[in-house]
Amino acid sequence: MQIEIGTDNHLAHDDQLRTLVVAAVDHGLGRFAPSLTRVIVHVADENGDKGGDADIRCTIEARPERHRPVAATHAAATVPLALAGAVRKLARTLGRARDRSTEHKRRAPLDQVTRDPLAG
């Protein structure tokens, strides 16, 4: 799984951010890693130097093999909180998508459904 990181011009794109992002993605999305080809993380400060309560926005896009990309966004007061929220949302979305894709495989096709022997 390849992890790409992007920031706006208000946040530093440094080793500390990279370490934080890689740890959060590995921890939160590690169970999906075999099926993910790439994860793209973008962190932005919506208000710039003005500050604000929830002005850090983190958007994460995951690209599962043989499926459409899935994305999640979360806004919070700090980069770690925004990152954790986006990872949590994305993990929930990927889990639901995986459950939906395997659910139809567990259902028996209509021609294999056994008929009730008592129903003439």
Protein backbone atom coordinates (compact mmCIF):
# COMPACT_ATOMS: atom_id res chain seq x y z
CA MET A 1 0.00 0.00 0.00
CA GLN A 2 1.44 3.31 -1.10
CA ILE A 3 0.71 6.38 1.05
CA GLU A 4 0.79 9.84 -0.52
CA ILE A 5 0.59 12.98 1.63
CA GLY A 6 -0.33 16.48 0.58
CA THR A 7 -0.77 19.72 2.52
CA ASP A 8 -1.81 23.25 1.75
CA ASN A 9 0.57 26.18 2.08
CA HIS A 10 -0.41 26.82 5.73
CA LEU A 11 0.85 23.47 7.09
CA ALA A 12 4.37 22.09 7.07
CA HIS A 13 4.93 18.93 5.07
CA ASP A 14 7.71 17.49 7.23
CA ASP A 15 8.91 14.18 8.67
CA GLN A 16 6.80 14.62 11.79
CA LEU A 17 3.62 14.86 9.69
CA ARG A 18 4.69 11.89 7.58
CA THR A 19 5.31 9.78 10.70
CA LEU A 20 1.93 10.77 12.13
CA VAL A 21 0.06 9.99 8.91
CA VAL A 22 1.77 6.64 8.30
CA ALA A 23 1.12 5.53 11.90
CA ALA A 24 -2.55 6.55 11.77
CA VAL A 25 -3.15 4.92 8.39
CA ASP A 26 -1.36 1.70 9.38
CA HIS A 27 -3.24 1.51 12.67
CA GLY A 28 -6.68 2.42 11.32
CA LEU A 29 -6.59 0.85 7.86
CA GLY A 30 -4.09 -1.96 8.38
CA ARG A 31 -6.73 -4.68 8.10
CA PHE A 32 -7.58 -3.40 4.61
CA ALA A 33 -3.93 -3.04 3.50
CA PRO A 34 -3.82 -6.21 1.35
CA SER A 35 -6.66 -4.89 -0.83
CA LEU A 36 -5.56 -1.23 -1.00
CA THR A 37 -3.21 -0.07 -3.72
CA ARG A 38 -2.89 3.53 -2.60
CA VAL A 39 -4.02 5.88 0.16
CA ILE A 40 -3.93 9.62 -0.48
CA VAL A 41 -4.05 11.94 2.55
CA HIS A 42 -4.53 15.70 2.21
CA VAL A 43 -4.41 18.00 5.23
CA ALA A 44 -5.42 21.65 5.00
CA ASP A 45 -5.86 24.58 7.35
CA GLU A 46 -9.16 26.09 6.23
CA ASN A 47 -8.72 29.45 7.96
CA GLY A 48 -4.99 29.90 7.54
CA ASP A 49 -3.50 32.11 10.22
CA LYS A 50 -6.90 33.23 11.56
CA GLY A 51 -7.44 30.16 13.74
CA GLY A 52 -10.75 28.61 14.67
CA ASP A 53 -12.35 25.66 16.42
CA ALA A 54 -12.41 23.07 13.67
CA ASP A 55 -10.32 24.61 10.94
CA ILE A 56 -8.01 21.67 10.15
CA ARG A 57 -9.53 19.45 7.46
CA CYS A 58 -8.21 16.00 6.58
CA THR A 59 -9.38 14.18 3.48
CA ILE A 60 -8.32 10.59 2.86
CA GLU A 61 -8.92 8.67 -0.35
CA ALA A 62 -8.32 4.92 -0.49
CA ARG A 63 -8.09 3.00 -3.72
CA PRO A 64 -9.10 -0.64 -3.31
CA GLU A 65 -8.07 -3.12 -5.98
CA ARG A 66 -10.74 -3.66 -8.64
CA HIS A 67 -13.09 -1.14 -6.97
CA ARG A 68 -13.84 2.56 -7.11
CA PRO A 69 -11.94 4.93 -4.81
CA VAL A 70 -13.50 5.67 -1.43
CA ALA A 71 -12.98 8.95 0.46
CA ALA A 72 -13.68 10.44 3.88
CA THR A 73 -13.24 13.93 5.31
CA HIS A 74 -13.07 15.15 8.88
CA ALA A 75 -12.52 18.61 10.39
CA ALA A 76 -11.06 19.19 13.86
CA ALA A 77 -8.98 21.61 15.88
CA THR A 78 -5.66 19.78 15.38
CA VAL A 79 -4.02 17.69 12.69
CA PRO A 80 -3.95 14.47 14.79
CA LEU A 81 -7.67 14.79 15.61
CA ALA A 82 -8.64 15.53 12.02
CA LEU A 83 -6.51 12.63 10.80
CA ALA A 84 -7.93 10.20 13.37
CA GLY A 85 -11.50 11.18 12.51
CA ALA A 86 -10.98 10.77 8.77
CA VAL A 87 -9.26 7.40 9.25
CA ARG A 88 -12.12 6.21 11.48
CA LYS A 89 -14.74 7.28 8.92
CA LEU A 90 -12.83 5.69 6.04
CA ALA A 91 -12.36 2.40 7.92
CA ARG A 92 -16.10 2.26 8.59
CA THR A 93 -16.87 2.97 4.94
CA LEU A 94 -14.39 0.37 3.68
CA GLY A 95 -15.77 -2.20 6.13
CA ARG A 96 -19.32 -1.62 4.91
CA ALA A 97 -18.23 -1.83 1.28
CA ARG A 98 -16.39 -5.09 1.94
CA ASP A 99 -19.41 -6.53 3.75
CA ARG A 100 -21.71 -5.57 0.87
CA SER A 101 -19.41 -7.10 -1.72
CA THR A 102 -19.15 -10.41 0.14
CA GLU A 103 -22.81 -10.56 1.17
CA HIS A 104 -24.06 -11.41 -2.31
CA LYS A 105 -21.52 -14.23 -2.54
CA ARG A 106 -23.03 -15.92 0.53
CA ARG A 107 -26.56 -15.95 -0.89
CA ALA A 108 -27.62 -19.08 -2.74
CA PRO A 109 -28.64 -18.55 -6.37
CA LEU A 110 -32.36 -18.91 -7.04
CA ASP A 111 -31.92 -22.16 -8.97
CA GLN A 112 -30.17 -23.71 -5.98
CA VAL A 113 -32.82 -22.80 -3.40
CA THR A 114 -34.43 -25.98 -2.17
CA ARG A 115 -38.17 -26.18 -2.35
CA ASP A 116 -40.34 -27.16 0.58
CA PRO A 117 -41.12 -30.89 0.07
CA LEU A 118 -44.48 -30.49 1.80
CA ALA A 119 -45.66 -27.75 -0.53
CA GLY A 120 -46.99 -29.92 -3.35
